[in-house]
C-alpha atoms as a PDB file:
ATOM      1  CA  MET A   1       7.880  18.098  -7.873  1.00  0.00           C
ATOM      2  CA  ASP A   2       4.343  17.119  -8.883  1.00  0.00           C
ATOM      3  CA  ILE A   3       2.310  14.445  -7.105  1.00  0.00           C
ATOM      4  CA  LYS A   4       2.912  11.794  -9.776  1.00  0.00           C
ATOM      5  CA  SER A   5       6.680  12.346  -9.538  1.00  0.00           C
ATOM      6  CA  LYS A   6       6.551  12.212  -5.743  1.00  0.00           C
ATOM      7  CA  ASN A   7       4.703   8.879  -5.871  1.00  0.00           C
ATOM      8  CA  GLU A   8       7.107   7.438  -8.452  1.00  0.00           C
ATOM      9  CA  ASN A   9      10.132   8.610  -6.471  1.00  0.00           C
ATOM     10  CA  ARG A  10       8.779   7.018  -3.261  1.00  0.00           C
ATOM     11  CA  ALA A  11       8.090   3.713  -5.065  1.00  0.00           C
ATOM     12  CA  ASP A  12      11.500   3.678  -6.762  1.00  0.00           C
ATOM     13  CA  LEU A  13      13.357   4.367  -3.513  1.00  0.00           C
ATOM     14  CA  ASN A  14      11.296   1.800  -1.583  1.00  0.00           C
ATOM     15  CA  LYS A  15      12.213  -0.772  -4.230  1.00  0.00           C
ATOM     16  CA  LEU A  16      15.888   0.218  -4.067  1.00  0.00           C
ATOM     17  CA  MET A  17      15.962  -0.161  -0.290  1.00  0.00           C
ATOM     18  CA  ALA A  18      14.114  -3.510  -0.380  1.00  0.00           C
ATOM     19  CA  GLU A  19      16.500  -4.863  -3.028  1.00  0.00           C
ATOM     20  CA  ASN A  20      19.481  -3.967  -0.872  1.00  0.00           C
ATOM     21  CA  ASP A  21      18.316  -5.195   2.521  1.00  0.00           C
ATOM     22  CA  ASP A  22      15.544  -7.603   3.518  1.00  0.00           C
ATOM     23  CA  PHE A  23      14.694  -5.427   6.527  1.00  0.00           C
ATOM     24  CA  PHE A  24      13.068  -2.845   4.242  1.00  0.00           C
ATOM     25  CA  ALA A  25      11.079  -5.466   2.317  1.00  0.00           C
ATOM     26  CA  THR A  26       9.885  -7.015   5.581  1.00  0.00           C
ATOM     27  CA  PHE A  27       8.990  -3.661   7.096  1.00  0.00           C
ATOM     28  CA  GLY A  28       7.123  -2.625   3.949  1.00  0.00           C
ATOM     29  CA  ALA A  29       5.101  -5.840   3.971  1.00  0.00           C
ATOM     30  CA  MET A  30       4.308  -5.381   7.663  1.00  0.00           C
ATOM     31  CA  ASP A  31       3.187  -1.799   7.045  1.00  0.00           C
ATOM     32  CA  ASP A  32       0.958  -2.932   4.166  1.00  0.00           C
ATOM     33  CA  ALA A  33      -0.585  -5.645   6.356  1.00  0.00           C
ATOM     34  CA  VAL A  34      -1.313  -3.283   9.244  1.00  0.00           C
ATOM     35  CA  TYR A  35      -3.145  -0.830   6.979  1.00  0.00           C
ATOM     36  CA  GLU A  36      -5.386  -3.482   5.383  1.00  0.00           C
ATOM     37  CA  ASP A  37      -9.038  -3.851   6.349  1.00  0.00           C
ATOM     38  CA  GLY A  38      -9.416  -5.583   9.672  1.00  0.00           C
ATOM     39  CA  VAL A  39     -11.301  -5.007  12.883  1.00  0.00           C
ATOM     40  CA  ILE A  40     -10.698  -1.335  12.131  1.00  0.00           C
ATOM     41  CA  PRO A  41     -11.739  -0.499   8.545  1.00  0.00           C
ATOM     42  CA  LYS A  42      -8.975   0.669   6.194  1.00  0.00           C
ATOM     43  CA  LYS A  43     -10.545   4.132   5.874  1.00  0.00           C
ATOM     44  CA  TYR A  44     -10.123   4.769   9.600  1.00  0.00           C
ATOM     45  CA  LYS A  45      -6.592   3.384   9.582  1.00  0.00           C
ATOM     46  CA  GLU A  46      -5.703   5.811   6.782  1.00  0.00           C
ATOM     47  CA  LEU A  47      -7.261   8.725   8.694  1.00  0.00           C
ATOM     48  CA  THR A  48      -5.230   7.682  11.749  1.00  0.00           C
ATOM     49  CA  GLY A  49      -2.124   7.474   9.552  1.00  0.00           C
ATOM     50  CA  LEU A  50      -2.822  11.012   8.363  1.00  0.00           C
ATOM     51  CA  SER A  51      -3.053  12.270  11.968  1.00  0.00           C
ATOM     52  CA  ILE A  52       0.201  10.514  12.862  1.00  0.00           C
ATOM     53  CA  SER A  53       1.876  11.940   9.758  1.00  0.00           C
ATOM     54  CA  ILE A  54       0.884  15.472  10.767  1.00  0.00           C
ATOM     55  CA  LEU A  55       2.157  14.814  14.282  1.00  0.00           C
ATOM     56  CA  SER A  56       5.479  13.477  12.993  1.00  0.00           C
ATOM     57  CA  SER A  57       5.845  16.210  10.320  1.00  0.00           C
ATOM     58  CA  CYS A  58       6.417  13.697   7.522  1.00  0.00           C
ATOM     59  CA  GLU A  59       5.403  15.356   4.256  1.00  0.00           C
ATOM     60  CA  GLU A  60       5.841  12.166   2.235  1.00  0.00           C
ATOM     61  CA  CYS A  61       3.609  10.336   4.708  1.00  0.00           C
ATOM     62  CA  ILE A  62       1.019  13.126   4.649  1.00  0.00           C
ATOM     63  CA  LEU A  63       0.647  12.789   0.879  1.00  0.00           C
ATOM     64  CA  TYR A  64       0.622   8.977   1.056  1.00  0.00           C
ATOM     65  CA  HIS A  65      -2.118   8.872   3.696  1.00  0.00           C
ATOM     66  CA  LEU A  66      -4.149  11.662   2.069  1.00  0.00           C
ATOM     67  CA  GLN A  67      -4.230   9.549  -1.072  1.00  0.00           C
ATOM     68  CA  GLY A  68      -5.132   6.477   0.983  1.00  0.00           C
ATOM     69  CA  CYS A  69      -7.930   8.356   2.733  1.00  0.00           C
ATOM     70  CA  ILE A  70      -9.316   9.628  -0.547  1.00  0.00           C
ATOM     71  CA  SER A  71      -9.184   6.190  -2.164  1.00  0.00           C
ATOM     72  CA  GLU A  72     -11.107   4.801   0.833  1.00  0.00           C
ATOM     73  CA  GLY A  73     -13.838   7.429   0.446  1.00  0.00           C
ATOM     74  CA  ALA A  74     -12.904   9.886   3.191  1.00  0.00           C
ATOM     75  CA  ASN A  75     -14.530  13.250   2.613  1.00  0.00           C
ATOM     76  CA  LYS A  76     -13.098  16.728   3.072  1.00  0.00           C
ATOM     77  CA  ALA A  77     -14.507  17.118   6.601  1.00  0.00           C
ATOM     78  CA  GLU A  78     -12.968  13.808   7.708  1.00  0.00           C
ATOM     79  CA  LEU A  79      -9.588  14.767   6.254  1.00  0.00           C
ATOM     80  CA  ILE A  80      -9.648  18.126   8.014  1.00  0.00           C
ATOM     81  CA  GLU A  81     -10.633  16.510  11.308  1.00  0.00           C
ATOM     82  CA  ALA A  82      -7.742  14.032  11.035  1.00  0.00           C
ATOM     83  CA  ILE A  83      -5.368  16.935  10.330  1.00  0.00           C
ATOM     84  CA  LYS A  84      -6.710  18.810  13.375  1.00  0.00           C
ATOM     85  CA  MET A  85      -6.093  15.748  15.564  1.00  0.00           C
ATOM     86  CA  GLY A  86      -2.436  15.734  14.508  1.00  0.00           C
ATOM     87  CA  VAL A  87      -2.104  19.456  15.157  1.00  0.00           C
ATOM     88  CA  ILE A  88      -3.753  19.301  18.575  1.00  0.00           C
ATOM     89  CA  GLY A  89      -1.565  16.336  19.524  1.00  0.00           C
ATOM     90  CA  GLY A  90       1.622  18.159  18.572  1.00  0.00           C
ATOM     91  CA  GLY A  91       0.732  21.792  19.139  1.00  0.00           C
ATOM     92  CA  SER A  92       1.231  24.836  16.971  1.00  0.00           C
ATOM     93  CA  ILE A  93       4.598  23.551  15.752  1.00  0.00           C
ATOM     94  CA  ARG A  94       2.531  21.196  13.539  1.00  0.00           C
ATOM     95  CA  PHE A  95       0.951  24.060  11.572  1.00  0.00           C
ATOM     96  CA  PRO A  96       3.544  23.739   8.764  1.00  0.00           C
ATOM     97  CA  SER A  97       2.476  20.110   8.361  1.00  0.00           C
ATOM     98  CA  ALA A  98      -1.170  21.146   8.318  1.00  0.00           C
ATOM     99  CA  ARG A  99      -0.385  23.767   5.683  1.00  0.00           C
ATOM    100  CA  TYR A 100       1.352  21.120   3.585  1.00  0.00           C
ATOM    101  CA  ALA A 101      -1.648  18.789   3.969  1.00  0.00           C
ATOM    102  CA  PHE A 102      -4.031  21.525   2.838  1.00  0.00           C
ATOM    103  CA  LYS A 103      -1.783  22.266  -0.168  1.00  0.00           C
ATOM    104  CA  MET A 104      -1.759  18.574  -1.108  1.00  0.00           C
ATOM    105  CA  MET A 105      -5.552  18.401  -0.662  1.00  0.00           C
ATOM    106  CA  GLN A 106      -5.781  21.349  -3.039  1.00  0.00           C
ATOM    107  CA  ASP A 107      -3.451  19.637  -5.540  1.00  0.00           C
ATOM    108  CA  LEU A 108      -5.467  16.396  -5.243  1.00  0.00           C
ATOM    109  CA  GLY A 109      -8.685  18.303  -5.988  1.00  0.00           C
ATOM    110  CA  VAL A 110     -10.269  17.900  -2.551  1.00  0.00           C
ATOM    111  CA  LEU A 111     -10.294  21.652  -1.879  1.00  0.00           C
END
């Protein structure tokens, strides 16, 4: 599945969940609010989200936060450092997530 299809699928399923239970709409709004600019700039929140996504092995989240980082102006070195933080936090078992992140960076034109 290409990146555009992955993004459309995520949006469609988020909408489906929110239409069927208010919990998902509320959670989505809370997530959006937390990642907005605040005391911590959005760029750094997205980089943190990328590290957490590596640590939790969530491929969908890795792509989402990579795109967020890129849209906030994060450069290649910052992305790689955030990926390394997730790997070091979780150990070598996080290498598959790091590999996925590097593949998505390649597909997004960062590498």
